[in-house]
Full PDB file with SEQRES, HELIX, SHEET, SSBOND, CRYST1, ORIGX, SCALE, CONECT and MASTER records, all heavy atoms in Angstrom:
SEQRES   1 A   37  GLY PHE THR ASP ALA ASP TRP ALA GLY SER ILE ASP ASP          
SEQRES   2 A   37  ARG LYS SER THR GLY SER TYR LEU VAL PHE PHE GLY GLN          
SEQRES   3 A   37  THR PRO ILE SER TRP LYS SER GLY LYS GLN ARG                  
SHEET    1 AA1 3 PHE A   2  ALA A   5  0                                        
SHEET    2 AA1 3 THR A  17  PHE A  24 -1                                        
SHEET    3 AA1 3 THR A  27  LYS A  35 -1                                        
CRYST1    1.000    1.000    1.000  90.00  90.00  90.00 P 1           1          
ORIGX1      1.000000  0.000000  0.000000        0.00000                         
ORIGX2      0.000000  1.000000  0.000000        0.00000                         
ORIGX3      0.000000  0.000000  1.000000        0.00000                         
SCALE1      1.000000  0.000000  0.000000        0.00000                         
SCALE2      0.000000  1.000000  0.000000        0.00000                         
SCALE3      0.000000  0.000000  1.000000        0.00000                         
ATOM      1  N   GLY A   1      20.965   2.506   6.230  1.00  0.00           N  
ATOM      2  CA  GLY A   1      20.207   2.294   7.496  1.00  0.00           C  
ATOM      3  C   GLY A   1      18.759   2.606   7.283  1.00  0.00           C  
ATOM      4  O   GLY A   1      18.411   3.204   6.251  1.00  0.00           O  
ATOM      5  N   PHE A   2      17.982   2.233   8.254  1.00  0.00           N  
ATOM      6  CA  PHE A   2      16.551   2.469   8.371  1.00  0.00           C  
ATOM      7  C   PHE A   2      16.319   2.997   9.715  1.00  0.00           C  
ATOM      8  O   PHE A   2      16.886   2.636  10.709  1.00  0.00           O  
ATOM      9  CB  PHE A   2      15.748   1.238   8.164  1.00  0.00           C  
ATOM     10  CG  PHE A   2      15.917   0.599   6.879  1.00  0.00           C  
ATOM     11  CD1 PHE A   2      17.053  -0.335   6.595  1.00  0.00           C  
ATOM     12  CD2 PHE A   2      15.038   0.839   5.871  1.00  0.00           C  
ATOM     13  CE1 PHE A   2      17.263  -0.906   5.309  1.00  0.00           C  
ATOM     14  CE2 PHE A   2      15.236   0.178   4.619  1.00  0.00           C  
ATOM     15  CZ  PHE A   2      16.340  -0.641   4.398  1.00  0.00           C  
ATOM     16  N   THR A   3      15.402   4.111   9.804  1.00  0.00           N  
ATOM     17  CA  THR A   3      14.995   4.669  11.036  1.00  0.00           C  
ATOM     18  C   THR A   3      13.634   4.812  11.192  1.00  0.00           C  
ATOM     19  O   THR A   3      12.837   4.877  10.133  1.00  0.00           O  
ATOM     20  CB  THR A   3      15.706   6.098  11.362  1.00  0.00           C  
ATOM     21  OG1 THR A   3      15.141   7.093  10.408  1.00  0.00           O  
ATOM     22  CG2 THR A   3      17.115   5.977  11.198  1.00  0.00           C  
ATOM     23  N   ASP A   4      13.020   4.594  12.397  1.00  0.00           N  
ATOM     24  CA  ASP A   4      11.575   4.728  12.485  1.00  0.00           C  
ATOM     25  C   ASP A   4      11.164   5.048  13.903  1.00  0.00           C  
ATOM     26  O   ASP A   4      11.968   4.815  14.816  1.00  0.00           O  
ATOM     27  CB  ASP A   4      10.903   3.365  12.135  1.00  0.00           C  
ATOM     28  CG  ASP A   4       9.356   3.469  12.058  1.00  0.00           C  
ATOM     29  OD1 ASP A   4       8.933   4.526  11.440  1.00  0.00           O  
ATOM     30  OD2 ASP A   4       8.628   2.645  12.364  1.00  0.00           O  
ATOM     31  N   ALA A   5      10.011   5.557  14.073  1.00  0.00           N  
ATOM     32  CA  ALA A   5       9.559   5.774  15.411  1.00  0.00           C  
ATOM     33  C   ALA A   5       7.951   5.553  15.419  1.00  0.00           C  
ATOM     34  O   ALA A   5       7.296   5.862  14.388  1.00  0.00           O  
ATOM     35  CB  ALA A   5       9.804   7.163  15.884  1.00  0.00           C  
ATOM     36  N   ASP A   6       7.470   4.990  16.547  1.00  0.00           N  
ATOM     37  CA  ASP A   6       6.026   5.060  16.732  1.00  0.00           C  
ATOM     38  C   ASP A   6       5.767   6.372  17.359  1.00  0.00           C  
ATOM     39  O   ASP A   6       6.627   6.958  18.075  1.00  0.00           O  
ATOM     40  CB  ASP A   6       5.523   3.959  17.516  1.00  0.00           C  
ATOM     41  CG  ASP A   6       5.896   3.894  19.002  1.00  0.00           C  
ATOM     42  OD1 ASP A   6       6.752   4.676  19.355  1.00  0.00           O  
ATOM     43  OD2 ASP A   6       5.360   3.199  19.896  1.00  0.00           O  
ATOM     44  N   TRP A   7       4.707   6.974  17.269  1.00  0.00           N  
ATOM     45  CA  TRP A   7       4.486   8.282  17.796  1.00  0.00           C  
ATOM     46  C   TRP A   7       3.576   8.138  19.060  1.00  0.00           C  
ATOM     47  O   TRP A   7       2.395   7.616  19.035  1.00  0.00           O  
ATOM     48  CB  TRP A   7       3.688   9.230  16.778  1.00  0.00           C  
ATOM     49  CG  TRP A   7       3.485  10.579  17.348  1.00  0.00           C  
ATOM     50  CD1 TRP A   7       4.279  11.503  17.970  1.00  0.00           C  
ATOM     51  CD2 TRP A   7       2.086  11.241  17.277  1.00  0.00           C  
ATOM     52  NE1 TRP A   7       3.552  12.541  18.300  1.00  0.00           N  
ATOM     53  CE2 TRP A   7       2.205  12.412  17.955  1.00  0.00           C  
ATOM     54  CE3 TRP A   7       0.805  10.744  16.868  1.00  0.00           C  
ATOM     55  CZ2 TRP A   7       1.150  13.361  18.159  1.00  0.00           C  
ATOM     56  CZ3 TRP A   7      -0.207  11.782  17.026  1.00  0.00           C  
ATOM     57  CH2 TRP A   7      -0.062  12.904  17.571  1.00  0.00           C  
ATOM     58  N   ALA A   8       4.097   8.587  20.211  1.00  0.00           N  
ATOM     59  CA  ALA A   8       3.368   8.632  21.432  1.00  0.00           C  
ATOM     60  C   ALA A   8       2.840   7.179  21.755  1.00  0.00           C  
ATOM     61  O   ALA A   8       1.787   6.963  22.311  1.00  0.00           O  
ATOM     62  CB  ALA A   8       2.233   9.549  21.482  1.00  0.00           C  
ATOM     63  N   GLY A   9       3.708   6.248  21.439  1.00  0.00           N  
ATOM     64  CA  GLY A   9       3.208   4.772  21.554  1.00  0.00           C  
ATOM     65  C   GLY A   9       3.017   4.291  22.997  1.00  0.00           C  
ATOM     66  O   GLY A   9       2.361   3.340  23.254  1.00  0.00           O  
ATOM     67  N   SER A  10       3.778   4.882  23.981  1.00  0.00           N  
ATOM     68  CA  SER A  10       3.592   4.433  25.428  1.00  0.00           C  
ATOM     69  C   SER A  10       2.420   5.083  25.959  1.00  0.00           C  
ATOM     70  O   SER A  10       2.154   6.196  25.997  1.00  0.00           O  
ATOM     71  CB  SER A  10       4.885   4.877  26.158  1.00  0.00           C  
ATOM     72  OG  SER A  10       4.672   4.610  27.582  1.00  0.00           O  
ATOM     73  N   ILE A  11       1.526   4.117  26.468  1.00  0.00           N  
ATOM     74  CA  ILE A  11       0.210   4.581  27.033  1.00  0.00           C  
ATOM     75  C   ILE A  11       0.538   5.174  28.430  1.00  0.00           C  
ATOM     76  O   ILE A  11      -0.365   5.978  28.902  1.00  0.00           O  
ATOM     77  CB  ILE A  11      -0.751   3.486  26.987  1.00  0.00           C  
ATOM     78  CG1 ILE A  11      -0.241   2.276  27.887  1.00  0.00           C  
ATOM     79  CG2 ILE A  11      -1.195   3.113  25.671  1.00  0.00           C  
ATOM     80  CD1 ILE A  11      -1.398   1.248  28.026  1.00  0.00           C  
ATOM     81  N   ASP A  12       1.661   4.843  29.043  1.00  0.00           N  
ATOM     82  CA  ASP A  12       1.890   5.323  30.412  1.00  0.00           C  
ATOM     83  C   ASP A  12       2.360   6.885  30.350  1.00  0.00           C  
ATOM     84  O   ASP A  12       1.884   7.539  31.173  1.00  0.00           O  
ATOM     85  CB  ASP A  12       2.952   4.502  31.104  1.00  0.00           C  
ATOM     86  CG  ASP A  12       2.516   2.980  31.296  1.00  0.00           C  
ATOM     87  OD1 ASP A  12       1.242   2.816  31.510  1.00  0.00           O  
ATOM     88  OD2 ASP A  12       3.261   2.179  31.240  1.00  0.00           O  
ATOM     89  N   ASP A  13       3.271   7.235  29.424  1.00  0.00           N  
ATOM     90  CA  ASP A  13       3.692   8.528  29.459  1.00  0.00           C  
ATOM     91  C   ASP A  13       3.724   9.227  28.072  1.00  0.00           C  
ATOM     92  O   ASP A  13       4.289  10.324  27.953  1.00  0.00           O  
ATOM     93  CB  ASP A  13       5.101   8.535  30.020  1.00  0.00           C  
ATOM     94  CG  ASP A  13       6.179   7.688  29.277  1.00  0.00           C  
ATOM     95  OD1 ASP A  13       5.838   7.168  28.164  1.00  0.00           O  
ATOM     96  OD2 ASP A  13       7.298   7.503  29.814  1.00  0.00           O  
ATOM     97  N   ARG A  14       3.203   8.559  27.041  1.00  0.00           N  
ATOM     98  CA  ARG A  14       3.133   9.010  25.709  1.00  0.00           C  
ATOM     99  C   ARG A  14       4.441   9.344  25.067  1.00  0.00           C  
ATOM    100  O   ARG A  14       4.528  10.189  24.146  1.00  0.00           O  
ATOM    101  CB  ARG A  14       2.195  10.293  25.583  1.00  0.00           C  
ATOM    102  CG  ARG A  14       0.744   9.971  25.852  1.00  0.00           C  
ATOM    103  CD  ARG A  14       0.359   8.901  24.724  1.00  0.00           C  
ATOM    104  NE  ARG A  14      -0.990   8.430  24.970  1.00  0.00           N  
ATOM    105  CZ  ARG A  14      -1.535   7.446  24.310  1.00  0.00           C  
ATOM    106  NH1 ARG A  14      -0.750   6.613  23.599  1.00  0.00           N  
ATOM    107  NH2 ARG A  14      -2.682   7.103  24.556  1.00  0.00           N  
ATOM    108  N   LYS A  15       5.497   8.727  25.561  1.00  0.00           N  
ATOM    109  CA  LYS A  15       6.854   8.904  24.905  1.00  0.00           C  
ATOM    110  C   LYS A  15       6.800   7.878  23.639  1.00  0.00           C  
ATOM    111  O   LYS A  15       6.090   6.844  23.669  1.00  0.00           O  
ATOM    112  CB  LYS A  15       7.972   8.552  25.774  1.00  0.00           C  
ATOM    113  CG  LYS A  15       8.127   9.713  26.740  1.00  0.00           C  
ATOM    114  CD  LYS A  15       9.355   9.370  27.724  1.00  0.00           C  
ATOM    115  CE  LYS A  15       9.364  10.508  28.659  1.00  0.00           C  
ATOM    116  NZ  LYS A  15      10.499  10.155  29.720  1.00  0.00           N  
ATOM    117  N   SER A  16       7.553   8.195  22.650  1.00  0.00           N  
ATOM    118  CA  SER A  16       7.643   7.352  21.518  1.00  0.00           C  
ATOM    119  C   SER A  16       8.750   6.371  21.544  1.00  0.00           C  
ATOM    120  O   SER A  16       9.813   6.611  22.334  1.00  0.00           O  
ATOM    121  CB  SER A  16       7.887   8.259  20.185  1.00  0.00           C  
ATOM    122  OG  SER A  16       6.908   9.275  20.096  1.00  0.00           O  
ATOM    123  N   THR A  17       8.727   5.310  20.848  1.00  0.00           N  
ATOM    124  CA  THR A  17       9.772   4.397  20.714  1.00  0.00           C  
ATOM    125  C   THR A  17      10.430   4.641  19.346  1.00  0.00           C  
ATOM    126  O   THR A  17       9.816   4.648  18.307  1.00  0.00           O  
ATOM    127  CB  THR A  17       9.206   2.939  20.713  1.00  0.00           C  
ATOM    128  OG1 THR A  17       8.662   2.658  21.983  1.00  0.00           O  
ATOM    129  CG2 THR A  17      10.497   1.913  20.528  1.00  0.00           C  
ATOM    130  N   GLY A  18      11.780   4.798  19.418  1.00  0.00           N  
ATOM    131  CA  GLY A  18      12.561   5.049  18.200  1.00  0.00           C  
ATOM    132  C   GLY A  18      13.372   3.976  17.897  1.00  0.00           C  
ATOM    133  O   GLY A  18      13.781   3.218  18.833  1.00  0.00           O  
ATOM    134  N   SER A  19      13.813   3.612  16.715  1.00  0.00           N  
ATOM    135  CA  SER A  19      14.683   2.596  16.313  1.00  0.00           C  
ATOM    136  C   SER A  19      15.495   2.939  15.114  1.00  0.00           C  
ATOM    137  O   SER A  19      15.088   3.830  14.282  1.00  0.00           O  
ATOM    138  CB  SER A  19      13.955   1.288  16.166  1.00  0.00           C  
ATOM    139  OG  SER A  19      13.031   1.410  14.945  1.00  0.00           O  
ATOM    140  N   TYR A  20      16.629   2.178  15.031  1.00  0.00           N  
ATOM    141  CA  TYR A  20      17.365   2.239  13.850  1.00  0.00           C  
ATOM    142  C   TYR A  20      17.948   0.846  13.460  1.00  0.00           C  
ATOM    143  O   TYR A  20      17.934   0.032  14.405  1.00  0.00           O  
ATOM    144  CB  TYR A  20      18.461   3.359  13.772  1.00  0.00           C  
ATOM    145  CG  TYR A  20      19.595   3.176  15.004  1.00  0.00           C  
ATOM    146  CD1 TYR A  20      20.598   2.104  14.804  1.00  0.00           C  
ATOM    147  CD2 TYR A  20      19.509   3.854  16.043  1.00  0.00           C  
ATOM    148  CE1 TYR A  20      21.499   1.915  15.840  1.00  0.00           C  
ATOM    149  CE2 TYR A  20      20.536   3.757  17.037  1.00  0.00           C  
ATOM    150  CZ  TYR A  20      21.465   2.760  16.896  1.00  0.00           C  
ATOM    151  OH  TYR A  20      22.455   2.639  17.860  1.00  0.00           O  
ATOM    152  N   LEU A  21      18.239   0.690  12.326  1.00  0.00           N  
ATOM    153  CA  LEU A  21      18.848  -0.611  11.782  1.00  0.00           C  
ATOM    154  C   LEU A  21      19.803  -0.198  10.709  1.00  0.00           C  
ATOM    155  O   LEU A  21      19.510   0.530   9.867  1.00  0.00           O  
ATOM    156  CB  LEU A  21      17.721  -1.468  11.204  1.00  0.00           C  
ATOM    157  CG  LEU A  21      18.108  -2.672  10.378  1.00  0.00           C  
ATOM    158  CD1 LEU A  21      18.722  -3.739  11.357  1.00  0.00           C  
ATOM    159  CD2 LEU A  21      16.782  -3.341   9.890  1.00  0.00           C  
ATOM    160  N   VAL A  22      21.116  -0.707  10.942  1.00  0.00           N  
ATOM    161  CA  VAL A  22      22.248  -0.437   9.940  1.00  0.00           C  
ATOM    162  C   VAL A  22      22.746  -1.635   9.338  1.00  0.00           C  
ATOM    163  O   VAL A  22      23.047  -2.589   9.976  1.00  0.00           O  
ATOM    164  CB  VAL A  22      23.289   0.384  10.694  1.00  0.00           C  
ATOM    165  CG1 VAL A  22      24.361   0.829   9.638  1.00  0.00           C  
ATOM    166  CG2 VAL A  22      22.854   1.674  11.391  1.00  0.00           C  
ATOM    167  N   PHE A  23      22.820  -1.482   8.067  1.00  0.00           N  
ATOM    168  CA  PHE A  23      23.423  -2.630   7.225  1.00  0.00           C  
ATOM    169  C   PHE A  23      24.754  -2.354   6.748  1.00  0.00           C  
ATOM    170  O   PHE A  23      24.982  -1.165   6.366  1.00  0.00           O  
ATOM    171  CB  PHE A  23      22.513  -2.926   6.055  1.00  0.00           C  
ATOM    172  CG  PHE A  23      21.197  -3.718   6.194  1.00  0.00           C  
ATOM    173  CD1 PHE A  23      20.169  -3.042   6.847  1.00  0.00           C  
ATOM    174  CD2 PHE A  23      21.067  -4.979   5.997  1.00  0.00           C  
ATOM    175  CE1 PHE A  23      18.924  -3.723   7.025  1.00  0.00           C  
ATOM    176  CE2 PHE A  23      20.032  -5.783   6.160  1.00  0.00           C  
ATOM    177  CZ  PHE A  23      18.921  -5.111   6.684  1.00  0.00           C  
ATOM    178  N   PHE A  24      25.640  -3.259   6.683  1.00  0.00           N  
ATOM    179  CA  PHE A  24      26.961  -3.210   5.989  1.00  0.00           C  
ATOM    180  C   PHE A  24      26.777  -4.165   4.802  1.00  0.00           C  
ATOM    181  O   PHE A  24      26.821  -5.360   4.965  1.00  0.00           O  
ATOM    182  CB  PHE A  24      28.075  -3.672   6.944  1.00  0.00           C  
ATOM    183  CG  PHE A  24      29.349  -3.515   6.255  1.00  0.00           C  
ATOM    184  CD1 PHE A  24      29.948  -2.328   5.701  1.00  0.00           C  
ATOM    185  CD2 PHE A  24      30.202  -4.657   6.107  1.00  0.00           C  
ATOM    186  CE1 PHE A  24      31.223  -2.280   5.168  1.00  0.00           C  
ATOM    187  CE2 PHE A  24      31.450  -4.625   5.584  1.00  0.00           C  
ATOM    188  CZ  PHE A  24      31.899  -3.460   5.147  1.00  0.00           C  
ATOM    189  N   GLY A  25      26.609  -3.676   3.622  1.00  0.00           N  
ATOM    190  CA  GLY A  25      26.206  -4.447   2.398  1.00  0.00           C  
ATOM    191  C   GLY A  25      24.809  -5.088   2.790  1.00  0.00           C  
ATOM    192  O   GLY A  25      23.871  -4.335   2.887  1.00  0.00           O  
ATOM    193  N   GLN A  26      24.731  -6.364   2.719  1.00  0.00           N  
ATOM    194  CA  GLN A  26      23.382  -7.082   2.882  1.00  0.00           C  
ATOM    195  C   GLN A  26      23.192  -7.467   4.315  1.00  0.00           C  
ATOM    196  O   GLN A  26      22.228  -8.143   4.646  1.00  0.00           O  
ATOM    197  CB  GLN A  26      23.372  -8.201   1.882  1.00  0.00           C  
ATOM    198  CG  GLN A  26      23.527  -7.835   0.416  1.00  0.00           C  
ATOM    199  CD  GLN A  26      22.306  -8.146  -0.296  1.00  0.00           C  
ATOM    200  OE1 GLN A  26      21.403  -8.776   0.204  1.00  0.00           O  
ATOM    201  NE2 GLN A  26      22.125  -7.468  -1.450  1.00  0.00           N  
ATOM    202  N   THR A  27      24.213  -7.249   5.241  1.00  0.00           N  
ATOM    203  CA  THR A  27      24.146  -7.801   6.497  1.00  0.00           C  
ATOM    204  C   THR A  27      23.865  -6.785   7.593  1.00  0.00           C  
ATOM    205  O   THR A  27      24.610  -5.725   7.649  1.00  0.00           O  
ATOM    206  CB  THR A  27      25.552  -8.399   6.886  1.00  0.00           C  
ATOM    207  OG1 THR A  27      25.737  -9.474   5.904  1.00  0.00           O  
ATOM    208  CG2 THR A  27      25.469  -9.105   8.222  1.00  0.00           C  
ATOM    209  N   PRO A  28      22.830  -6.914   8.384  1.00  0.00           N  
ATOM    210  CA  PRO A  28      22.567  -5.979   9.502  1.00  0.00           C  
ATOM    211  C   PRO A  28      23.695  -6.115  10.437  1.00  0.00           C  
ATOM    212  O   PRO A  28      24.072  -7.173  10.933  1.00  0.00           O  
ATOM    213  CB  PRO A  28      21.185  -6.361  10.073  1.00  0.00           C  
ATOM    214  CG  PRO A  28      20.899  -7.680   9.463  1.00  0.00           C  
ATOM    215  CD  PRO A  28      21.801  -8.037   8.354  1.00  0.00           C  
ATOM    216  N   ILE A  29      24.240  -4.965  10.862  1.00  0.00           N  
ATOM    217  CA  ILE A  29      25.392  -5.004  11.811  1.00  0.00           C  
ATOM    218  C   ILE A  29      25.095  -4.211  13.139  1.00  0.00           C  
ATOM    219  O   ILE A  29      25.881  -4.375  14.133  1.00  0.00           O  
ATOM    220  CB  ILE A  29      26.698  -4.530  11.121  1.00  0.00           C  
ATOM    221  CG1 ILE A  29      26.552  -3.092  10.727  1.00  0.00           C  
ATOM    222  CG2 ILE A  29      27.136  -5.456  10.079  1.00  0.00           C  
ATOM    223  CD1 ILE A  29      27.915  -2.426  10.361  1.00  0.00           C  
ATOM    224  N   SER A  30      24.141  -3.344  13.107  1.00  0.00           N  
ATOM    225  CA  SER A  30      23.835  -2.639  14.341  1.00  0.00           C  
ATOM    226  C   SER A  30      22.316  -2.235  14.345  1.00  0.00           C  
ATOM    227  O   SER A  30      21.729  -1.867  13.270  1.00  0.00           O  
ATOM    228  CB  SER A  30      24.571  -1.362  14.320  1.00  0.00           C  
ATOM    229  OG  SER A  30      24.386  -0.512  15.456  1.00  0.00           O  
ATOM    230  N   TRP A  31      21.708  -2.368  15.544  1.00  0.00           N  
ATOM    231  CA  TRP A  31      20.258  -1.993  15.615  1.00  0.00           C  
ATOM    232  C   TRP A  31      20.059  -1.487  17.029  1.00  0.00           C  
ATOM    233  O   TRP A  31      20.710  -1.936  17.959  1.00  0.00           O  
ATOM    234  CB  TRP A  31      19.385  -3.149  15.146  1.00  0.00           C  
ATOM    235  CG  TRP A  31      19.691  -4.351  15.877  1.00  0.00           C  
ATOM    236  CD1 TRP A  31      19.124  -4.826  17.127  1.00  0.00           C  
ATOM    237  CD2 TRP A  31      20.590  -5.530  15.562  1.00  0.00           C  
ATOM    238  NE1 TRP A  31      19.573  -6.119  17.455  1.00  0.00           N  
ATOM    239  CE2 TRP A  31      20.541  -6.388  16.496  1.00  0.00           C  
ATOM    240  CE3 TRP A  31      21.410  -5.530  14.483  1.00  0.00           C  
ATOM    241  CZ2 TRP A  31      21.293  -7.513  16.438  1.00  0.00           C  
ATOM    242  CZ3 TRP A  31      22.158  -6.709  14.409  1.00  0.00           C  
ATOM    243  CH2 TRP A  31      22.135  -7.710  15.358  1.00  0.00           C  
ATOM    244  N   LYS A  32      18.962  -0.809  17.238  1.00  0.00           N  
ATOM    245  CA  LYS A  32      18.594  -0.276  18.569  1.00  0.00           C  
ATOM    246  C   LYS A  32      17.105   0.071  18.555  1.00  0.00           C  
ATOM    247  O   LYS A  32      16.644   0.613  17.552  1.00  0.00           O  
ATOM    248  CB  LYS A  32      19.353   0.873  18.978  1.00  0.00           C  
ATOM    249  CG  LYS A  32      19.067   1.313  20.400  1.00  0.00           C  
ATOM    250  CD  LYS A  32      19.851   2.559  20.679  1.00  0.00           C  
ATOM    251  CE  LYS A  32      19.308   3.051  22.087  1.00  0.00           C  
ATOM    252  NZ  LYS A  32      19.984   4.314  22.487  1.00  0.00           N  
ATOM    253  N   SER A  33      16.426  -0.293  19.600  1.00  0.00           N  
ATOM    254  CA  SER A  33      15.067   0.131  19.699  1.00  0.00           C  
ATOM    255  C   SER A  33      14.858   0.548  21.154  1.00  0.00           C  
ATOM    256  O   SER A  33      15.362  -0.186  22.116  1.00  0.00           O  
ATOM    257  CB  SER A  33      14.036  -1.007  19.417  1.00  0.00           C  
ATOM    258  OG  SER A  33      12.785  -0.548  19.706  1.00  0.00           O  
ATOM    259  N   GLY A  34      14.398   1.800  21.446  1.00  0.00           N  
ATOM    260  CA  GLY A  34      14.148   2.213  22.790  1.00  0.00           C  
ATOM    261  C   GLY A  34      13.257   3.375  22.923  1.00  0.00           C  
ATOM    262  O   GLY A  34      12.970   4.170  21.918  1.00  0.00           O  
ATOM    263  N   LYS A  35      12.746   3.676  24.157  1.00  0.00           N  
ATOM    264  CA  LYS A  35      11.928   4.749  24.429  1.00  0.00           C  
ATOM    265  C   LYS A  35      12.710   6.021  24.301  1.00  0.00           C  
ATOM    266  O   LYS A  35      13.813   6.074  24.898  1.00  0.00           O  
ATOM    267  CB  LYS A  35      11.225   4.536  25.682  1.00  0.00           C  
ATOM    268  CG  LYS A  35      10.029   5.592  25.977  1.00  0.00           C  
ATOM    269  CD  LYS A  35       9.561   5.504  27.367  1.00  0.00           C  
ATOM    270  CE  LYS A  35       8.584   4.309  27.636  1.00  0.00           C  
ATOM    271  NZ  LYS A  35       7.851   4.348  28.809  1.00  0.00           N  
ATOM    272  N   GLN A  36      12.065   7.025  23.594  1.00  0.00           N  
ATOM    273  CA  GLN A  36      12.881   8.336  23.487  1.00  0.00           C  
ATOM    274  C   GLN A  36      12.768   9.006  24.804  1.00  0.00           C  
ATOM    275  O   GLN A  36      11.798   8.884  25.656  1.00  0.00           O  
ATOM    276  CB  GLN A  36      12.175   9.169  22.448  1.00  0.00           C  
ATOM    277  CG  GLN A  36      12.485   8.559  21.060  1.00  0.00           C  
ATOM    278  CD  GLN A  36      11.878   9.229  19.916  1.00  0.00           C  
ATOM    279  OE1 GLN A  36      10.956  10.158  20.026  1.00  0.00           O  
ATOM    280  NE2 GLN A  36      12.281   8.854  18.654  1.00  0.00           N  
ATOM    281  N   ARG A  37      13.773   9.874  25.109  1.00  0.00           N  
ATOM    282  CA  ARG A  37      13.839  10.555  26.446  1.00  0.00           C  
ATOM    283  C   ARG A  37      12.756  11.563  26.596  1.00  0.00           C  
ATOM    284  O   ARG A  37      12.471  11.932  27.803  1.00  0.00           O  
ATOM    285  CB  ARG A  37      15.231  11.199  26.632  1.00  0.00           C  
ATOM    286  CG  ARG A  37      16.363  10.104  26.768  1.00  0.00           C  
ATOM    287  CD  ARG A  37      17.630  10.836  26.970  1.00  0.00           C  
ATOM    288  NE  ARG A  37      18.060  11.577  25.850  1.00  0.00           N  
ATOM    289  CZ  ARG A  37      18.764  11.074  24.825  1.00  0.00           C  
ATOM    290  NH1 ARG A  37      19.081   9.801  24.751  1.00  0.00           N  
ATOM    291  NH2 ARG A  37      19.115  11.838  23.825  1.00  0.00           N  
TER     292      ARG A  37                                                      
MASTER        0    0    0    0    3    0    0    6  291    1    0    3          
END                                                                             
């Protein structure tokens, strides 16, 4: 998998957006992107 976050990316409340992407072999099977709590 791969994980990443922008830091304080929301100009409204300075929360970051976090994401992950998971591969099974060569195929991505799960991903998510959302504002952190």
